[in-house]
Each structure stands twice: as C-alpha cells, then as structure tokens.
C-alpha cells in the first residue's frame, strides 16, 4: 500500500542546524529591514506633515496680517476729491 504525503504551505523543517541557523539569520535581517523601512516611511510622513503644517501656518499668518493692515488703512484714510452735482435733464427721465 502506498502512502501519499501531503505537504503544507509551511513546508518541513530541516534537521540540518546550519540551514536552521541560516533561516534564523535571514528572518532576523528581514525583520530589522522591515522595522527600518517602516521607520523611514514614518519619518518621511511626519516630515511632510510638519512642512505642510508650517506652510499652512505661514500662509494663514500672512493673510491675516495683510487683512489687518488693509483694515487699519481703510479706517484711517479719507479720500478727498472735488465733485460737481449734475442735475438730470428732462431727456434722461423720458428715456427711462
């Protein structure tokens, strides 16, 4: 009678200690690489958010500064000019 052996996705563990050590070292290297890559991605994301926040803060500060200046200039200034009152003629009233 034949026995059929089904392999799982995990595979079988090698009994060779050098292969086990090699697998352990590769696993540790991959883990450290993943942690470092994640750290770099998080640092880049935080840096981008800080720069974007700084740009947004400066933009809002600049606009409020500009608005306050315009408001102060608008309150303190008067426009002086000469004018002449023109009476509407009778033809203007008929055209309307």
PDB file of N, CA and C in Angstrom:
ATOM      1  N   UNK A   1       0.835  -1.153   0.000  1.00  0.00           N
ATOM      2  CA  UNK A   1       0.000   0.000   0.000  1.00  0.00           C
ATOM      3  C   UNK A   1       0.897   1.239   0.000  1.00  0.00           C
ATOM      4  N   UNK A   2       0.540   2.214  -0.864  1.00  0.00           N
ATOM      5  CA  UNK A   2       1.341   3.431  -0.968  1.00  0.00           C
ATOM      6  C   UNK A   2       0.763   4.498  -0.039  1.00  0.00           C
ATOM      7  N   UNK A   3       1.654   5.214   0.553  1.00  0.00           N
ATOM      8  CA  UNK A   3       1.258   6.344   1.400  1.00  0.00           C
ATOM      9  C   UNK A   3       1.559   7.634   0.643  1.00  0.00           C
ATOM     10  N   UNK A   4       0.582   8.472   0.564  1.00  0.00           N
ATOM     11  CA  UNK A   4       0.766   9.750  -0.112  1.00  0.00           C
ATOM     12  C   UNK A   4       0.951  10.811   0.969  1.00  0.00           C
ATOM     13  N   UNK A   5       2.057  11.509   0.836  1.00  0.00           N
ATOM     14  CA  UNK A   5       2.367  12.535   1.834  1.00  0.00           C
ATOM     15  C   UNK A   5       1.983  13.906   1.260  1.00  0.00           C
ATOM     16  N   UNK A   6       1.129  14.611   1.973  1.00  0.00           N
ATOM     17  CA  UNK A   6       0.719  15.951   1.562  1.00  0.00           C
ATOM     18  C   UNK A   6       1.591  16.966   2.286  1.00  0.00           C
ATOM     19  N   UNK A   7       2.124  17.864   1.532  1.00  0.00           N
ATOM     20  CA  UNK A   7       2.936  18.905   2.170  1.00  0.00           C
ATOM     21  C   UNK A   7       2.061  20.133   2.432  1.00  0.00           C
ATOM     22  N   UNK A   8       2.354  20.802   3.486  1.00  0.00           N
ATOM     23  CA  UNK A   8       1.623  22.021   3.819  1.00  0.00           C
ATOM     24  C   UNK A   8       2.375  23.221   3.259  1.00  0.00           C
ATOM     25  N   UNK A   9       1.754  24.356   3.364  1.00  0.00           N
ATOM     26  CA  UNK A   9       2.407  25.565   2.874  1.00  0.00           C
ATOM     27  C   UNK A   9       3.608  25.948   3.724  1.00  0.00           C
ATOM     28  N   UNK A  10       3.619  25.515   4.957  1.00  0.00           N
ATOM     29  CA  UNK A  10       4.743  25.842   5.827  1.00  0.00           C
ATOM     30  C   UNK A  10       5.992  25.068   5.439  1.00  0.00           C
ATOM     31  N   UNK A  11       5.823  23.995   4.800  1.00  0.00           N
ATOM     32  CA  UNK A  11       6.974  23.175   4.436  1.00  0.00           C
ATOM     33  C   UNK A  11       7.452  22.381   5.635  1.00  0.00           C
ATOM     34  N   UNK A  12       8.508  21.683   5.450  1.00  0.00           N
ATOM     35  CA  UNK A  12       9.040  20.887   6.555  1.00  0.00           C
ATOM     36  C   UNK A  12      10.311  21.545   7.077  1.00  0.00           C
ATOM     37  N   UNK A  13      10.538  21.399   8.349  1.00  0.00           N
ATOM     38  CA  UNK A  13      11.748  21.940   8.957  1.00  0.00           C
ATOM     39  C   UNK A  13      12.911  21.024   8.660  1.00  0.00           C
ATOM     40  N   UNK A  14      13.997  21.671   8.362  1.00  0.00           N
ATOM     41  CA  UNK A  14      15.206  20.891   8.100  1.00  0.00           C
ATOM     42  C   UNK A  14      15.832  20.487   9.433  1.00  0.00           C
ATOM     43  N   UNK A  15      16.410  19.343   9.440  1.00  0.00           N
ATOM     44  CA  UNK A  15      17.095  18.898  10.656  1.00  0.00           C
ATOM     45  C   UNK A  15      18.546  19.355  10.670  1.00  0.00           C
ATOM     46  N   UNK A  16      18.992  19.969   9.572  1.00  0.00           N
ATOM     47  CA  UNK A  16      20.360  20.461   9.490  1.00  0.00           C
ATOM     48  C   UNK A  16      20.467  21.766  10.293  1.00  0.00           C
ATOM     49  N   UNK A  17      21.345  21.828  11.297  1.00  0.00           N
ATOM     50  CA  UNK A  17      21.443  23.036  12.130  1.00  0.00           C
ATOM     51  C   UNK A  17      21.946  24.260  11.347  1.00  0.00           C
ATOM     52  N   UNK A  18      22.762  24.052  10.316  1.00  0.00           N
ATOM     53  CA  UNK A  18      23.250  25.182   9.515  1.00  0.00           C
ATOM     54  C   UNK A  18      22.111  25.822   8.718  1.00  0.00           C
ATOM     55  N   UNK A  19      21.226  25.006   8.196  1.00  0.00           N
ATOM     56  CA  UNK A  19      20.076  25.524   7.459  1.00  0.00           C
ATOM     57  C   UNK A  19      19.144  26.267   8.415  1.00  0.00           C
ATOM     58  N   UNK A  20      18.945  25.734   9.610  1.00  0.00           N
ATOM     59  CA  UNK A  20      18.116  26.406  10.602  1.00  0.00           C
ATOM     60  C   UNK A  20      18.729  27.747  11.017  1.00  0.00           C
ATOM     61  N   UNK A  21      20.037  27.763  11.219  1.00  0.00           N
ATOM     62  CA  UNK A  21      20.728  28.999  11.581  1.00  0.00           C
ATOM     63  C   UNK A  21      20.641  30.017  10.447  1.00  0.00           C
ATOM     64  N   UNK A  22      20.809  29.560   9.213  1.00  0.00           N
ATOM     65  CA  UNK A  22      20.707  30.435   8.049  1.00  0.00           C
ATOM     66  C   UNK A  22      19.298  31.035   7.949  1.00  0.00           C
ATOM     67  N   UNK A  23      18.290  30.226   8.159  1.00  0.00           N
ATOM     68  CA  UNK A  23      16.906  30.713   8.132  1.00  0.00           C
ATOM     69  C   UNK A  23      16.639  31.721   9.241  1.00  0.00           C
ATOM     70  N   UNK A  24      17.190  31.455  10.417  1.00  0.00           N
ATOM     71  CA  UNK A  24      17.028  32.376  11.534  1.00  0.00           C
ATOM     72  C   UNK A  24      17.705  33.717  11.243  1.00  0.00           C
ATOM     73  N   UNK A  25      18.912  33.669  10.708  1.00  0.00           N
ATOM     74  CA  UNK A  25      19.643  34.899  10.380  1.00  0.00           C
ATOM     75  C   UNK A  25      18.897  35.690   9.301  1.00  0.00           C
ATOM     76  N   UNK A  26      18.422  35.013   8.276  1.00  0.00           N
ATOM     77  CA  UNK A  26      17.664  35.681   7.211  1.00  0.00           C
ATOM     78  C   UNK A  26      16.382  36.295   7.782  1.00  0.00           C
ATOM     79  N   UNK A  27      15.711  35.579   8.657  1.00  0.00           N
ATOM     80  CA  UNK A  27      14.493  36.104   9.282  1.00  0.00           C
ATOM     81  C   UNK A  27      14.771  37.345  10.119  1.00  0.00           C
ATOM     82  N   UNK A  28      15.858  37.324  10.877  1.00  0.00           N
ATOM     83  CA  UNK A  28      16.218  38.488  11.690  1.00  0.00           C
ATOM     84  C   UNK A  28      16.570  39.677  10.800  1.00  0.00           C
ATOM     85  N   UNK A  29      17.313  39.433   9.729  1.00  0.00           N
ATOM     86  CA  UNK A  29      17.681  40.509   8.799  1.00  0.00           C
ATOM     87  C   UNK A  29      16.430  41.104   8.151  1.00  0.00           C
ATOM     88  N   UNK A  30      15.505  40.255   7.736  1.00  0.00           N
ATOM     89  CA  UNK A  30      14.268  40.756   7.133  1.00  0.00           C
ATOM     90  C   UNK A  30      13.438  41.553   8.135  1.00  0.00           C
ATOM     91  N   UNK A  31      13.391  41.089   9.379  1.00  0.00           N
ATOM     92  CA  UNK A  31      12.647  41.805  10.408  1.00  0.00           C
ATOM     93  C   UNK A  31      13.254  43.182  10.674  1.00  0.00           C
ATOM     94  N   UNK A  32      14.573  43.229  10.809  1.00  0.00           N
ATOM     95  CA  UNK A  32      15.252  44.513  11.037  1.00  0.00           C
ATOM     96  C   UNK A  32      15.051  45.439   9.839  1.00  0.00           C
ATOM     97  N   UNK A  33      15.136  44.891   8.638  1.00  0.00           N
ATOM     98  CA  UNK A  33      14.909  45.704   7.438  1.00  0.00           C
ATOM     99  C   UNK A  33      13.498  46.257   7.388  1.00  0.00           C
ATOM    100  N   UNK A  34      12.520  45.449   7.773  1.00  0.00           N
ATOM    101  CA  UNK A  34      11.130  45.914   7.773  1.00  0.00           C
ATOM    102  C   UNK A  34      10.923  47.018   8.808  1.00  0.00           C
ATOM    103  N   UNK A  35      11.532  46.856   9.973  1.00  0.00           N
ATOM    104  CA  UNK A  35      11.414  47.885  11.011  1.00  0.00           C
ATOM    105  C   UNK A  35      12.073  49.183  10.551  1.00  0.00           C
ATOM    106  N   UNK A  36      13.259  49.086   9.959  1.00  0.00           N
ATOM    107  CA  UNK A  36      13.945  50.285   9.471  1.00  0.00           C
ATOM    108  C   UNK A  36      13.168  50.957   8.339  1.00  0.00           C
ATOM    109  N   UNK A  37      12.649  50.171   7.426  1.00  0.00           N
ATOM    110  CA  UNK A  37      11.864  50.737   6.327  1.00  0.00           C
ATOM    111  C   UNK A  37      10.601  51.421   6.859  1.00  0.00           C
ATOM    112  N   UNK A  38       9.958  50.802   7.819  1.00  0.00           N
ATOM    113  CA  UNK A  38       8.791  51.429   8.439  1.00  0.00           C
ATOM    114  C   UNK A  38       9.156  52.728   9.144  1.00  0.00           C
ATOM    115  N   UNK A  39      10.307  52.732   9.814  1.00  0.00           N
ATOM    116  CA  UNK A  39      10.771  53.960  10.472  1.00  0.00           C
ATOM    117  C   UNK A  39      11.049  55.072   9.481  1.00  0.00           C
ATOM    118  N   UNK A  40      11.651  54.721   8.351  1.00  0.00           N
ATOM    119  CA  UNK A  40      11.934  55.723   7.318  1.00  0.00           C
ATOM    120  C   UNK A  40      10.632  56.269   6.745  1.00  0.00           C
ATOM    121  N   UNK A  41       9.679  55.398   6.496  1.00  0.00           N
ATOM    122  CA  UNK A  41       8.392  55.846   5.948  1.00  0.00           C
ATOM    123  C   UNK A  41       7.663  56.741   6.944  1.00  0.00           C
ATOM    124  N   UNK A  42       7.664  56.366   8.214  1.00  0.00           N
ATOM    125  CA  UNK A  42       7.008  57.192   9.230  1.00  0.00           C
ATOM    126  C   UNK A  42       7.723  58.533   9.375  1.00  0.00           C
ATOM    127  N   UNK A  43       9.064  58.522   9.357  1.00  0.00           N
ATOM    128  CA  UNK A  43       9.813  59.781   9.459  1.00  0.00           C
ATOM    129  C   UNK A  43       9.523  60.686   8.266  1.00  0.00           C
ATOM    130  N   UNK A  44       9.444  60.111   7.078  1.00  0.00           N
ATOM    131  CA  UNK A  44       9.135  60.913   5.888  1.00  0.00           C
ATOM    132  C   UNK A  44       7.722  61.481   5.980  1.00  0.00           C
ATOM    133  N   UNK A  45       6.778  60.689   6.447  1.00  0.00           N
ATOM    134  CA  UNK A  45       5.398  61.155   6.590  1.00  0.00           C
ATOM    135  C   UNK A  45       5.300  62.274   7.625  1.00  0.00           C
ATOM    136  N   UNK A  46       5.967  62.104   8.759  1.00  0.00           N
ATOM    137  CA  UNK A  46       5.954  63.141   9.791  1.00  0.00           C
ATOM    138  C   UNK A  46       6.632  64.407   9.277  1.00  0.00           C
ATOM    139  N   UNK A  47       7.747  64.250   8.570  1.00  0.00           N
ATOM    140  CA  UNK A  47       8.423  65.410   7.994  1.00  0.00           C
ATOM    141  C   UNK A  47       7.553  66.142   7.000  1.00  0.00           C
ATOM    142  N   UNK A  48       6.871  65.400   6.141  1.00  0.00           N
ATOM    143  CA  UNK A  48       5.968  66.017   5.164  1.00  0.00           C
ATOM    144  C   UNK A  48       4.844  66.766   5.865  1.00  0.00           C
ATOM    145  N   UNK A  49       4.267  66.157   6.895  1.00  0.00           N
ATOM    146  CA  UNK A  49       3.176  66.808   7.623  1.00  0.00           C
ATOM    147  C   UNK A  49       3.662  68.062   8.349  1.00  0.00           C
ATOM    148  N   UNK A  50       4.882  68.021   8.897  1.00  0.00           N
ATOM    149  CA  UNK A  50       5.423  69.208   9.555  1.00  0.00           C
ATOM    150  C   UNK A  50       5.652  70.342   8.565  1.00  0.00           C
ATOM    151  N   UNK A  51       6.215  70.026   7.413  1.00  0.00           N
ATOM    152  CA  UNK A  51       6.454  71.057   6.394  1.00  0.00           C
ATOM    153  C   UNK A  51       5.128  71.611   5.877  1.00  0.00           C
ATOM    154  N   UNK A  52       4.166  70.735   5.612  1.00  0.00           N
ATOM    155  CA  UNK A  52       2.858  71.192   5.136  1.00  0.00           C
ATOM    156  C   UNK A  52       2.166  72.050   6.199  1.00  0.00           C
ATOM    157  N   UNK A  53       2.260  71.656   7.451  1.00  0.00           N
ATOM    158  CA  UNK A  53       1.675  72.448   8.529  1.00  0.00           C
ATOM    159  C   UNK A  53       2.345  73.802   8.676  1.00  0.00           C
ATOM    160  N   UNK A  54       3.666  73.834   8.534  1.00  0.00           N
ATOM    161  CA  UNK A  54       4.392  75.099   8.610  1.00  0.00           C
ATOM    162  C   UNK A  54       4.002  76.024   7.465  1.00  0.00           C
ATOM    163  N   UNK A  55       3.885  75.474   6.271  1.00  0.00           N
ATOM    164  CA  UNK A  55       3.468  76.278   5.113  1.00  0.00           C
ATOM    165  C   UNK A  55       2.052  76.810   5.327  1.00  0.00           C
ATOM    166  N   UNK A  56       1.156  75.972   5.819  1.00  0.00           N
ATOM    167  CA  UNK A  56      -0.219  76.402   6.079  1.00  0.00           C
ATOM    168  C   UNK A  56      -0.263  77.480   7.160  1.00  0.00           C
ATOM    169  N   UNK A  57       0.532  77.319   8.213  1.00  0.00           N
ATOM    170  CA  UNK A  57       0.583  78.309   9.286  1.00  0.00           C
ATOM    171  C   UNK A  57       1.096  79.653   8.765  1.00  0.00           C
ATOM    172  N   UNK A  58       2.164  79.626   7.975  1.00  0.00           N
ATOM    173  CA  UNK A  58       2.715  80.864   7.418  1.00  0.00           C
ATOM    174  C   UNK A  58       1.709  81.521   6.480  1.00  0.00           C
ATOM    175  N   UNK A  59       1.018  80.739   5.685  1.00  0.00           N
ATOM    176  CA  UNK A  59       0.025  81.283   4.751  1.00  0.00           C
ATOM    177  C   UNK A  59      -1.121  81.961   5.507  1.00  0.00           C
ATOM    178  N   UNK A  60      -1.627  81.329   6.549  1.00  0.00           N
ATOM    179  CA  UNK A  60      -2.712  81.920   7.338  1.00  0.00           C
ATOM    180  C   UNK A  60      -2.222  83.177   8.047  1.00  0.00           C
ATOM    181  N   UNK A  61      -1.012  83.133   8.609  1.00  0.00           N
ATOM    182  CA  UNK A  61      -0.437  84.301   9.271  1.00  0.00           C
ATOM    183  C   UNK A  61      -0.301  85.462   8.290  1.00  0.00           C
ATOM    184  N   UNK A  62       0.185  85.167   7.103  1.00  0.00           N
ATOM    185  CA  UNK A  62       0.378  86.208   6.097  1.00  0.00           C
ATOM    186  C   UNK A  62      -0.963  86.831   5.684  1.00  0.00           C
ATOM    187  N   UNK A  63      -1.974  86.017   5.461  1.00  0.00           N
ATOM    188  CA  UNK A  63      -3.277  86.537   5.051  1.00  0.00           C
ATOM    189  C   UNK A  63      -3.928  87.368   6.154  1.00  0.00           C
ATOM    190  N   UNK A  64      -3.829  86.924   7.404  1.00  0.00           N
ATOM    191  CA  UNK A  64      -4.412  87.705   8.494  1.00  0.00           C
ATOM    192  C   UNK A  64      -3.644  89.009   8.686  1.00  0.00           C
ATOM    193  N   UNK A  65      -2.345  88.978   8.537  1.00  0.00           N
ATOM    194  CA  UNK A  65      -1.534  90.192   8.637  1.00  0.00           C
ATOM    195  C   UNK A  65      -1.924  91.184   7.543  1.00  0.00           C
ATOM    196  N   UNK A  66      -2.097  90.675   6.348  1.00  0.00           N
ATOM    197  CA  UNK A  66      -2.484  91.516   5.219  1.00  0.00           C
ATOM    198  C   UNK A  66      -3.887  92.094   5.435  1.00  0.00           C
ATOM    199  N   UNK A  67      -4.807  91.286   5.939  1.00  0.00           N
ATOM    200  CA  UNK A  67      -6.177  91.749   6.175  1.00  0.00           C
ATOM    201  C   UNK A  67      -6.212  92.813   7.266  1.00  0.00           C
ATOM    202  N   UNK A  68      -5.420  92.635   8.319  1.00  0.00           N
ATOM    203  CA  UNK A  68      -5.386  93.618   9.400  1.00  0.00           C
ATOM    204  C   UNK A  68      -4.813  94.933   8.888  1.00  0.00           C
ATOM    205  N   UNK A  69      -3.772  94.874   8.092  1.00  0.00           N
ATOM    206  CA  UNK A  69      -3.188  96.090   7.515  1.00  0.00           C
ATOM    207  C   UNK A  69      -4.192  96.818   6.626  1.00  0.00           C
ATOM    208  N   UNK A  70      -4.898  96.082   5.798  1.00  0.00           N
ATOM    209  CA  UNK A  70      -5.886  96.709   4.920  1.00  0.00           C
ATOM    210  C   UNK A  70      -7.017  97.328   5.734  1.00  0.00           C
ATOM    211  N   UNK A  71      -7.410  96.657   6.799  1.00  0.00           N
ATOM    212  CA  UNK A  71      -8.483  97.175   7.637  1.00  0.00           C
ATOM    213  C   UNK A  71      -8.028  98.445   8.352  1.00  0.00           C
ATOM    214  N   UNK A  72      -6.799  98.457   8.860  1.00  0.00           N
ATOM    215  CA  UNK A  72      -6.281  99.642   9.538  1.00  0.00           C
ATOM    216  C   UNK A  72      -6.127 100.805   8.566  1.00  0.00           C
ATOM    217  N   UNK A  73      -5.674 100.531   7.378  1.00  0.00           N
ATOM    218  CA  UNK A  73      -5.520 101.584   6.387  1.00  0.00           C
ATOM    219  C   UNK A  73      -6.882 102.098   5.935  1.00  0.00           C
ATOM    220  N   UNK A  74      -7.853 101.254   5.856  1.00  0.00           N
ATOM    221  CA  UNK A  74      -9.193 101.652   5.437  1.00  0.00           C
ATOM    222  C   UNK A  74      -9.876 102.536   6.464  1.00  0.00           C
ATOM    223  N   UNK A  75      -9.630 102.339   7.742  1.00  0.00           N
ATOM    224  CA  UNK A  75     -10.263 103.131   8.784  1.00  0.00           C
ATOM    225  C   UNK A  75      -9.619 104.513   8.914  1.00  0.00           C
ATOM    226  N   UNK A  76      -8.342 104.611   8.705  1.00  0.00           N
ATOM    227  CA  UNK A  76      -7.630 105.852   8.958  1.00  0.00           C
ATOM    228  C   UNK A  76      -7.560 106.760   7.735  1.00  0.00           C
ATOM    229  N   UNK A  77      -7.938 106.308   6.596  1.00  0.00           N
ATOM    230  CA  UNK A  77      -7.758 107.129   5.402  1.00  0.00           C
ATOM    231  C   UNK A  77      -9.092 107.661   4.900  1.00  0.00           C
ATOM    232  N   UNK A  78      -9.013 108.873   4.364  1.00  0.00           N
ATOM    233  CA  UNK A  78     -10.172 109.503   3.747  1.00  0.00           C
ATOM    234  C   UNK A  78      -9.787 109.894   2.334  1.00  0.00           C
ATOM    235  N   UNK A  79     -10.727 109.817   1.464  1.00  0.00           N
ATOM    236  CA  UNK A  79     -10.491 110.227   0.090  1.00  0.00           C
ATOM    237  C   UNK A  79     -11.088 111.618  -0.074  1.00  0.00           C
ATOM    238  N   UNK A  80     -10.240 112.546  -0.408  1.00  0.00           N
ATOM    239  CA  UNK A  80     -10.709 113.905  -0.646  1.00  0.00           C
ATOM    240  C   UNK A  80     -10.701 114.151  -2.137  1.00  0.00           C
ATOM    241  N   UNK A  81     -11.818 114.666  -2.628  1.00  0.00           N
ATOM    242  CA  UNK A  81     -11.914 114.943  -4.059  1.00  0.00           C
ATOM    243  C   UNK A  81     -12.943 116.041  -4.286  1.00  0.00           C
ATOM    244  N   UNK A  82     -12.821 116.666  -5.415  1.00  0.00           N
ATOM    245  CA  UNK A  82     -13.812 117.657  -5.807  1.00  0.00           C
ATOM    246  C   UNK A  82     -14.864 116.963  -6.657  1.00  0.00           C
ATOM    247  N   UNK A  83     -16.075 117.429  -6.533  1.00  0.00           N
ATOM    248  CA  UNK A  83     -17.141 116.839  -7.334  1.00  0.00           C
ATOM    249  C   UNK A  83     -18.114 117.929  -7.753  1.00  0.00           C
ATOM    250  N   UNK A  84     -18.874 117.591  -8.739  1.00  0.00           N
ATOM    251  CA  UNK A  84     -19.868 118.527  -9.263  1.00  0.00           C
ATOM    252  C   UNK A  84     -21.171 117.763  -9.421  1.00  0.00           C
ATOM    253  N   UNK A  85     -22.232 118.319  -8.883  1.00  0.00           N
ATOM    254  CA  UNK A  85     -23.540 117.685  -8.960  1.00  0.00           C
ATOM    255  C   UNK A  85     -24.139 118.022 -10.310  1.00  0.00           C
ATOM    256  N   UNK A  86     -24.542 117.025 -11.029  1.00  0.00           N
ATOM    257  CA  UNK A  86     -25.154 117.210 -12.344  1.00  0.00           C
ATOM    258  C   UNK A  86     -26.625 116.877 -12.203  1.00  0.00           C
ATOM    259  N   UNK A  87     -27.436 117.832 -12.508  1.00  0.00           N
ATOM    260  CA  UNK A  87     -28.875 117.622 -12.436  1.00  0.00           C
ATOM    261  C   UNK A  87     -29.316 116.820 -13.647  1.00  0.00           C
ATOM    262  N   UNK A  88     -30.190 115.846 -13.438  1.00  0.00           N
ATOM    263  CA  UNK A  88     -30.656 115.082 -14.598  1.00  0.00           C
ATOM    264  C   UNK A  88     -31.507 115.967 -15.504  1.00  0.00           C
ATOM    265  N   UNK A  89     -31.304 115.795 -16.771  1.00  0.00           N
ATOM    266  CA  UNK A  89     -32.082 116.576 -17.737  1.00  0.00           C
ATOM    267  C   UNK A  89     -33.417 115.900 -17.986  1.00  0.00           C
ATOM    268  N   UNK A  90     -34.288 116.595 -18.602  1.00  0.00           N
ATOM    269  CA  UNK A  90     -35.617 116.041 -18.865  1.00  0.00           C
ATOM    270  C   UNK A  90     -35.565 114.910 -19.885  1.00  0.00           C
ATOM    271  N   UNK A  91     -34.571 114.906 -20.782  1.00  0.00           N
ATOM    272  CA  UNK A  91     -34.465 113.822 -21.773  1.00  0.00           C
ATOM    273  C   UNK A  91     -34.028 112.525 -21.116  1.00  0.00           C
ATOM    274  N   UNK A  92     -33.228 112.614 -20.045  1.00  0.00           N
ATOM    275  CA  UNK A  92     -32.819 111.399 -19.331  1.00  0.00           C
ATOM    276  C   UNK A  92     -34.007 110.739 -18.661  1.00  0.00           C
ATOM    277  N   UNK A  93     -34.915 111.534 -18.140  1.00  0.00           N
ATOM    278  CA  UNK A  93     -36.092 110.977 -17.482  1.00  0.00           C
ATOM    279  C   UNK A  93     -37.024 110.304 -18.481  1.00  0.00           C
ATOM    280  N   UNK A  94     -37.110 110.835 -19.666  1.00  0.00           N
ATOM    281  CA  UNK A  94     -38.004 110.264 -20.676  1.00  0.00           C
ATOM    282  C   UNK A  94     -37.463 108.949 -21.227  1.00  0.00           C
ATOM    283  N   UNK A  95     -36.148 108.777 -21.239  1.00  0.00           N
ATOM    284  CA  UNK A  95     -35.555 107.549 -21.787  1.00  0.00           C
ATOM    285  C   UNK A  95     -35.745 106.373 -20.842  1.00  0.00           C
ATOM    286  N   UNK A  96     -35.947 106.605 -19.625  1.00  0.00           N
ATOM    287  CA  UNK A  96     -36.056 105.512 -18.654  1.00  0.00           C
ATOM    288  C   UNK A  96     -37.401 104.984 -18.603  1.00  0.00           C
TER     289      UNK A  96
END
